[in-house]
Protein backbone atom coordinates (compact mmCIF):
# COMPACT_ATOMS: atom_id res chain seq x y z
CA UNK A 1 -0.03 0.05 0.01
CA UNK A 2 1.38 3.37 -1.07
CA UNK A 3 1.69 6.23 1.46
CA UNK A 4 2.08 9.93 0.73
CA UNK A 5 5.50 11.44 1.33
CA UNK A 6 6.44 13.56 4.20
CA UNK A 7 5.95 17.33 3.92
CA UNK A 8 8.79 19.76 4.65
CA UNK A 9 8.11 23.01 6.71
CA UNK A 10 10.94 25.65 6.97
CA UNK A 11 12.00 25.66 10.70
CA UNK A 12 14.99 26.60 12.87
CA UNK A 13 16.08 24.55 15.88
CA UNK A 14 17.42 26.96 18.54
CA UNK A 15 18.73 27.05 22.14
CA UNK A 16 17.41 29.88 24.28
CA UNK A 17 18.68 29.98 27.91
CA UNK A 18 18.46 26.43 29.25
CA UNK A 19 15.71 25.43 26.78
CA UNK A 20 15.57 24.26 23.15
CA UNK A 21 12.75 24.50 20.78
CA UNK A 22 11.63 24.54 17.09
CA UNK A 23 11.04 28.04 15.74
CA UNK A 24 8.67 28.81 12.86
CA UNK A 25 7.92 31.94 10.91
CA UNK A 26 4.09 32.02 10.91
CA UNK A 27 3.85 32.42 7.04
CA UNK A 28 5.94 29.25 6.58
CA UNK A 29 3.38 27.05 8.22
CA UNK A 30 0.76 25.27 6.09
CA UNK A 31 -2.25 27.50 5.78
CA UNK A 32 -4.41 25.49 8.14
CA UNK A 33 -1.73 25.74 10.74
CA UNK A 34 -1.43 29.50 10.48
CA UNK A 35 -4.41 30.06 12.65
CA UNK A 36 -5.05 28.55 16.12
CA UNK A 37 -6.85 25.33 16.33
CA UNK A 38 -6.58 21.56 15.90
CA UNK A 39 -4.49 21.60 12.71
CA UNK A 40 -1.83 23.81 14.31
CA UNK A 41 -1.69 21.68 17.46
CA UNK A 42 -1.50 18.33 15.43
CA UNK A 43 1.35 19.74 13.37
CA UNK A 44 3.33 20.83 16.36
CA UNK A 45 2.62 17.57 18.23
CA UNK A 46 3.88 15.62 15.23
CA UNK A 47 7.01 17.87 14.83
CA UNK A 48 7.98 17.27 18.43
CA UNK A 49 7.11 13.62 18.51
CA UNK A 50 4.08 13.65 20.86
CA UNK A 51 2.28 11.96 22.47
CA UNK A 52 4.93 9.36 23.22
CA UNK A 53 4.07 6.57 25.78
CA UNK A 54 7.79 5.80 25.97
CA UNK A 55 8.40 9.46 27.09
CA UNK A 56 11.40 9.86 24.70
CA UNK A 57 10.03 11.64 21.65
CA UNK A 58 12.37 9.52 19.55
CA UNK A 59 10.18 10.13 16.38
CA UNK A 60 10.35 13.94 16.69
CA UNK A 61 12.39 16.96 17.53
CA UNK A 62 11.70 16.74 21.24
CA UNK A 63 14.06 15.53 23.89
CA UNK A 64 11.76 13.88 26.37
CA UNK A 65 11.89 16.79 28.91
CA UNK A 66 9.83 19.90 29.50
CA UNK A 67 12.98 21.95 28.46
CA UNK A 68 13.16 20.40 24.97
CA UNK A 69 9.43 19.88 24.20
CA UNK A 70 8.87 23.41 23.04
CA UNK A 71 7.66 25.25 19.93
CA UNK A 72 7.71 28.98 18.80
CA UNK A 73 5.74 30.79 16.22
CA UNK A 74 6.84 34.36 15.15
CA UNK A 75 5.48 36.91 12.96
CA UNK A 76 5.86 40.69 12.22
CA UNK A 77 4.04 42.33 15.15
CA UNK A 78 0.36 43.23 14.88
CA UNK A 79 1.00 45.71 17.78
CA UNK A 80 2.18 49.36 17.49
CA UNK A 81 5.71 50.04 18.60
CA UNK A 82 6.64 46.40 18.50
CA UNK A 83 8.79 44.36 16.12
CA UNK A 84 7.62 40.75 16.40
CA UNK A 85 4.80 38.71 17.88
CA UNK A 86 6.03 35.77 19.80
CA UNK A 87 3.60 32.82 20.50
CA UNK A 88 4.89 29.98 22.59
CA UNK A 89 3.49 26.29 22.63
CA UNK A 90 4.59 23.86 25.39
CA UNK A 91 4.06 20.41 23.98
CA UNK A 92 3.09 17.79 26.41
CA UNK A 93 5.28 14.57 26.21
CA UNK A 94 2.81 11.87 26.88
CA UNK A 95 -0.41 13.52 26.12
CA UNK A 96 -1.95 15.08 22.86
CA UNK A 97 -1.78 18.66 24.33
CA UNK A 98 -0.18 21.81 23.32
CA UNK A 99 -0.53 24.28 26.29
CA UNK A 100 -0.71 27.96 25.14
CA UNK A 101 -1.33 29.29 28.71
CA UNK A 102 2.08 30.90 29.29
CA UNK A 103 5.36 32.10 28.09
CA UNK A 104 8.82 30.47 27.94
CA UNK A 105 11.39 32.95 29.40
CA UNK A 106 14.26 30.99 28.36
CA UNK A 107 13.27 30.68 24.59
CA UNK A 108 12.57 34.47 24.75
CA UNK A 109 16.38 35.00 24.56
CA UNK A 110 16.26 33.37 21.10
CA UNK A 111 13.28 35.39 19.73
CA UNK A 112 15.17 38.54 19.02
CA UNK A 113 17.93 36.63 17.13
CA UNK A 114 15.39 34.67 15.08
CA UNK A 115 13.31 37.72 14.23
CA UNK A 116 16.42 39.78 13.06
CA UNK A 117 17.81 36.81 10.98
CA UNK A 118 14.47 36.20 9.30
CA UNK A 119 13.57 39.68 8.32
CA UNK A 120 10.86 40.29 10.91
CA UNK A 121 12.57 43.47 12.25
CA UNK A 122 12.99 46.54 10.04
CA UNK A 123 16.48 46.94 8.82
CA UNK A 124 16.77 50.57 9.87
CA UNK A 125 16.30 49.33 13.55
CA UNK A 126 19.25 47.03 13.40
CA UNK A 127 22.74 48.35 13.70
CA UNK A 128 25.64 46.71 11.88
CA UNK A 129 27.67 46.62 15.17
CA UNK A 130 26.49 47.08 18.78
CA UNK A 131 23.20 46.10 20.36
CA UNK A 132 19.90 45.73 18.53
CA UNK A 133 16.84 46.44 20.60
CA UNK A 134 14.09 44.03 19.61
CA UNK A 135 10.48 44.90 20.93
CA UNK A 136 8.62 41.70 21.42
CA UNK A 137 4.93 41.26 21.93
CA UNK A 138 4.41 38.01 24.00
CA UNK A 139 1.10 36.92 22.53
CA UNK A 140 0.36 34.22 25.10
CA UNK A 141 0.23 36.69 28.05
CA UNK A 142 -0.10 39.96 26.08
CA UNK A 143 3.06 41.53 27.55
CA UNK A 144 6.03 43.47 26.14
CA UNK A 145 9.57 42.08 26.33
CA UNK A 146 12.67 43.89 25.24
CA UNK A 147 15.60 41.75 23.96
CA UNK A 148 19.04 43.37 23.62
CA UNK A 149 20.65 41.31 20.82
CA UNK A 150 24.52 41.77 20.13
CA UNK A 151 25.42 42.50 16.45
CA UNK A 152 28.69 42.10 14.56
CA UNK A 153 29.07 43.16 11.01
CA UNK A 154 25.38 43.17 10.35
CA UNK A 155 24.72 39.66 11.68
CA UNK A 156 23.51 38.37 15.08
CA UNK A 157 26.52 37.75 17.35
CA UNK A 158 26.02 34.21 18.89
CA UNK A 159 29.49 33.28 20.14
CA UNK A 160 30.95 34.80 23.19
CA UNK A 161 32.22 34.17 26.63
CA UNK A 162 28.98 34.52 28.72
CA UNK A 163 28.49 31.57 30.95
CA UNK A 164 24.99 30.49 31.96
CA UNK A 165 24.70 27.64 34.58
CA UNK A 166 22.87 24.81 33.01
CA UNK A 167 24.31 25.44 29.59
CA UNK A 168 27.63 23.59 28.94
CA UNK A 169 29.19 26.04 26.47
CA UNK A 170 29.66 29.93 26.63
CA UNK A 171 27.98 32.15 24.05
CA UNK A 172 27.07 35.85 23.56
CA UNK A 173 25.07 37.56 26.38
CA UNK A 174 21.47 38.51 25.64
CA UNK A 175 19.84 40.83 28.23
CA UNK A 176 16.12 40.41 28.37
CA UNK A 177 13.68 42.89 30.02
CA UNK A 178 10.24 41.69 31.03
CA UNK A 179 8.08 44.83 31.29
CA UNK A 180 5.16 44.89 33.62
CA UNK A 181 5.51 41.24 34.05
CA UNK A 182 2.33 40.30 35.87
CA UNK A 183 1.17 37.39 33.89
CA UNK A 184 -2.07 38.06 31.91
CA UNK A 185 -4.93 40.07 33.38
CA UNK A 186 -5.71 40.81 36.93
CA UNK A 187 -3.66 41.26 40.05
CA UNK A 188 -0.10 40.12 40.69
CA UNK A 189 -1.34 38.51 43.92
CA UNK A 190 -4.71 36.94 42.81
CA UNK A 191 -5.82 36.30 46.42
CA UNK A 192 -4.86 39.72 47.62
CA UNK A 193 -2.31 38.27 50.03
CA UNK A 194 1.46 38.05 49.98
CA UNK A 195 1.22 34.67 51.84
CA UNK A 196 -1.80 32.30 51.87
CA UNK A 197 -2.68 29.28 53.69
CA UNK A 198 -3.02 26.52 51.00
CA UNK A 199 -5.00 23.58 52.01
CA UNK A 200 -3.88 20.42 50.12
CA UNK A 201 -5.62 17.06 51.14
CA UNK A 202 -3.06 14.43 51.96
CA UNK A 203 -0.37 17.08 52.43
CA UNK A 204 -1.68 19.62 54.92
CA UNK A 205 -2.00 23.30 55.15
CA UNK A 206 0.94 24.89 53.58
CA UNK A 207 2.14 28.65 53.75
CA UNK A 208 2.22 29.72 50.04
CA UNK A 209 2.95 32.81 47.91
CA UNK A 210 0.68 32.67 44.94
CA UNK A 211 1.97 35.19 42.35
CA UNK A 212 1.41 36.23 38.65
CA UNK A 213 4.68 37.48 37.37
CA UNK A 214 6.39 36.09 34.54
CA UNK A 215 4.37 32.98 34.77
CA UNK A 216 1.78 32.04 37.56
CA UNK A 217 3.78 30.42 40.33
CA UNK A 218 3.09 28.75 43.65
CA UNK A 219 5.94 29.24 46.11
CA UNK A 220 6.16 27.04 49.24
CA UNK A 221 8.92 26.59 51.96
CA UNK A 222 11.10 23.57 51.42
CA UNK A 223 10.95 22.62 55.03
CA UNK A 224 7.21 22.38 55.01
CA UNK A 225 7.30 19.34 52.64
CA UNK A 226 10.37 17.76 54.07
CA UNK A 227 13.13 19.18 51.66
CA UNK A 228 16.33 21.15 52.20
CA UNK A 229 16.18 23.26 49.05
CA UNK A 230 19.39 21.77 47.74
CA UNK A 231 17.96 18.74 45.97
CA UNK A 232 18.94 17.75 42.48
CA UNK A 233 16.72 16.20 39.80
CA UNK A 234 17.12 12.60 40.72
CA UNK A 235 15.99 13.05 44.24
CA UNK A 236 12.54 14.24 43.12
CA UNK A 237 12.02 12.93 39.61
CA UNK A 238 12.65 9.34 40.79
CA UNK A 239 10.04 9.55 43.48
CA UNK A 240 6.56 9.06 42.17
CA UNK A 241 5.07 9.85 45.45
CA UNK A 242 6.85 13.13 45.56
CA UNK A 243 5.69 14.01 42.00
CA UNK A 244 2.06 13.15 42.93
CA UNK A 245 2.37 15.46 45.98
CA UNK A 246 3.65 18.33 43.85
CA UNK A 247 0.91 17.89 41.26
CA UNK A 248 -1.63 17.90 44.07
CA UNK A 249 -0.14 21.13 45.35
CA UNK A 250 -0.17 22.64 41.87
CA UNK A 251 -3.85 21.70 41.26
CA UNK A 252 -5.02 23.24 44.51
CA UNK A 253 -2.96 26.21 44.16
CA UNK A 254 -4.25 26.76 40.55
CA UNK A 255 -7.86 26.61 41.90
CA UNK A 256 -7.00 29.03 44.75
CA UNK A 257 -5.42 31.49 42.09
CA UNK A 258 -8.49 31.31 39.95
CA UNK A 259 -6.68 29.87 36.94
CA UNK A 260 -9.13 26.85 36.85
CA UNK A 261 -12.62 26.28 37.95
CA UNK A 262 -12.31 22.61 38.76
CA UNK A 263 -9.41 20.24 39.97
CA UNK A 264 -9.97 18.20 36.81
CA UNK A 265 -8.88 21.13 34.58
CA UNK A 266 -5.31 21.04 35.95
CA UNK A 267 -4.51 17.86 33.88
CA UNK A 268 -5.11 19.95 30.62
CA UNK A 269 -3.16 22.94 31.86
CA UNK A 270 0.18 21.44 32.53
CA UNK A 271 2.34 24.49 31.76
CA UNK A 272 0.82 26.79 34.36
CA UNK A 273 1.07 27.40 37.18
CA UNK A 274 4.50 26.34 38.33
CA UNK A 275 5.31 25.00 41.71
CA UNK A 276 8.60 26.06 43.33
CA UNK A 277 10.05 25.56 46.92
CA UNK A 278 12.40 27.92 48.58
CA UNK A 279 14.90 27.83 51.43
CA UNK A 280 17.59 29.99 53.06
CA UNK A 281 21.14 29.75 51.57
CA UNK A 282 23.14 26.45 51.99
CA UNK A 283 26.18 25.23 50.20
CA UNK A 284 25.73 22.28 47.78
CA UNK A 285 27.07 20.53 44.79
CA UNK A 286 25.33 21.40 41.53
CA UNK A 287 24.44 18.78 38.95
CA UNK A 288 27.68 19.43 37.15
CA UNK A 289 29.76 18.88 40.42
CA UNK A 290 30.46 22.53 40.69
CA UNK A 291 30.24 23.86 44.36
CA UNK A 292 27.73 26.51 44.98
CA UNK A 293 28.66 28.30 48.29
CA UNK A 294 25.97 29.76 50.59
CA UNK A 295 27.93 32.96 50.58
CA UNK A 296 27.28 33.55 46.90
CA UNK A 297 23.52 33.19 46.86
CA UNK A 298 20.63 34.92 48.63
CA UNK A 299 18.32 31.96 48.69
CA UNK A 300 17.74 28.39 47.17
CA UNK A 301 14.87 27.68 44.72
CA UNK A 302 13.90 24.52 43.11
CA UNK A 303 11.00 24.54 40.61
CA UNK A 304 8.96 21.90 38.69
CA UNK A 305 7.94 22.12 35.10
CA UNK A 306 5.51 19.81 33.34
CA UNK A 307 5.59 17.47 36.31
CA UNK A 308 9.23 17.19 36.82
CA UNK A 309 11.92 18.99 38.66
CA UNK A 310 13.62 21.49 36.26
CA UNK A 311 17.39 20.90 35.68
CA UNK A 312 18.08 24.65 36.10
CA UNK A 313 15.40 27.38 36.24
CA UNK A 314 12.71 28.36 33.76
CA UNK A 315 13.16 31.94 32.69
CA UNK A 316 9.51 32.89 33.47
CA UNK A 317 9.88 31.38 36.91
CA UNK A 318 13.11 33.41 37.44
CA UNK A 319 10.98 36.45 36.67
CA UNK A 320 8.58 35.28 39.41
CA UNK A 321 11.46 34.75 41.81
CA UNK A 322 12.90 38.08 41.22
CA UNK A 323 9.57 39.82 41.48
CA UNK A 324 8.60 38.07 44.77
CA UNK A 325 12.07 38.60 46.19
CA UNK A 326 11.63 42.32 45.60
CA UNK A 327 8.37 42.51 47.73
CA UNK A 328 8.92 42.32 51.47
CA UNK A 329 6.96 39.66 53.18
CA UNK A 330 6.64 36.92 50.50
CA UNK A 331 8.05 33.50 51.12
CA UNK A 332 10.74 34.24 48.59
CA UNK A 333 11.81 37.45 50.07
CA UNK A 334 11.74 35.95 53.63
CA UNK A 335 13.92 33.09 52.40
CA UNK A 336 16.40 35.59 51.11
CA UNK A 337 16.61 37.33 54.51
CA UNK A 338 13.63 39.76 54.35
CA UNK A 339 13.81 43.51 53.58
CA UNK A 340 14.45 45.20 50.24
CA UNK A 341 15.96 42.84 47.77
CA UNK A 342 17.05 43.99 44.25
CA UNK A 343 18.64 42.17 42.51
CA UNK A 344 18.65 38.54 44.07
CA UNK A 345 20.95 35.70 43.19
CA UNK A 346 19.50 32.22 43.88
CA UNK A 347 20.85 28.70 43.70
CA UNK A 348 19.10 26.21 41.48
CA UNK A 349 20.13 22.56 40.57
CA UNK A 350 22.61 23.58 37.89
CA UNK A 351 24.27 26.58 39.63
CA UNK A 352 23.07 30.16 40.17
CA UNK A 353 21.15 32.95 38.46
CA UNK A 354 20.83 36.62 39.12
CA UNK A 355 17.67 38.42 38.35
CA UNK A 356 16.51 41.99 39.23
CA UNK A 357 13.02 43.52 39.58
CA UNK A 358 11.62 46.91 40.24
CA UNK A 359 8.69 46.72 42.60
CA UNK A 360 6.34 49.60 43.67
CA UNK A 361 3.41 49.82 46.07
CA UNK A 362 0.57 52.00 44.94
CA UNK A 363 -2.73 52.36 46.80
CA UNK A 364 -2.03 49.04 48.66
CA UNK A 365 -1.41 47.06 45.44
CA UNK A 366 2.06 45.81 44.47
CA UNK A 367 3.25 46.09 40.81
CA UNK A 368 6.43 45.55 39.11
CA UNK A 369 7.63 47.75 36.26
CA UNK A 370 10.13 45.32 34.93
CA UNK A 371 12.40 42.27 35.62
CA UNK A 372 15.84 41.86 34.09
CA UNK A 373 18.03 38.91 33.51
CA UNK A 374 20.72 37.79 31.08
CA UNK A 375 20.54 34.70 29.09
CA UNK A 376 22.23 33.38 25.87
CA UNK A 377 20.97 31.83 22.58
CA UNK A 378 22.16 30.29 19.33
CA UNK A 379 21.05 28.48 16.29
CA UNK A 380 21.58 24.77 16.42
CA UNK A 381 20.22 23.79 13.07
CA UNK A 382 18.18 25.52 10.23
CA UNK A 383 16.39 24.15 7.28
CA UNK A 384 13.27 22.14 7.17
CA UNK A 385 11.47 19.82 9.60
CA UNK A 386 9.81 16.89 7.93
CA UNK A 387 6.63 15.15 9.03
CA UNK A 388 4.22 12.62 7.62
CA UNK A 389 0.80 13.76 6.38
CA UNK A 390 -1.93 12.46 8.57
């Protein structure tokens, strides 16, 4: 029996921060996939290799982890005073789901480079040498992000000596500013409190900071769930009981934040919210064997993404960490020692990361004007991605 040949879709495989993803120019997608819907989701699932009951995504571009199961669609911006519209799709590994509910802060570092190299930024805005300022409209959460992309002789500078913990090799530094980073509509603290009592059956009542900044995030104290804050991936990801506990916390936190209307909805909203646990500084060995000294960090943070402990830190969660650290009284701020904190350096499984945020209190409501961090990005492969017609 004859079968139709594969189709080829122009694509670029890029690393951004501690993540990798397949990047598309919107106009290069098949017509049916140029608009939101089942056709687009089906295409991206097949590109990445999901759903995969083996959890490896061998028959696709994914790498079997939340950090490598990602897709990006870019287009010339529909918004005034912006250069590019950035739409992020987190592809589930073992389910036929593309989650569009949040941003990827790590891949944001690669958006500016792709936009420049693919003609999505007006040439007069790009210097031959120096820093190109790319104004990004994050379409998932409807926020502005500014990427500062280094240029050399009219091309994006990708090589350099900037080292990012969680990434093996150095590259050029890309500074990223998240403006007004409260995620989506509504208050930064959806319950109106800096710290809530979060009741989780089977776990107990936990102190929690529930925040919408960068990405909706549930912060809890490591000690309250029996951890030190120095844990590496294998401690958590090899413990099915622990993973079930974190998913339970995530579901009840999402309900309390108003992100879902029933617990059952949490299963189809895997990307958001995130769950993270914090602790005061302690020395530990990172996953690479590098020693992280308590003197070089303000606090410890471990975060879960798509049901697993992240190997480093999600960029959007780093925005949430920086924002919460800048606001006195949150669990993140208290773990860092309390008081005014800007910027903050935290320890994660792969090392450390520094992030700054500008927080202001107006009429009893906290807001953050921007959060800033440095990442790096580079093209890994460009050409076409091939996939069967189904």
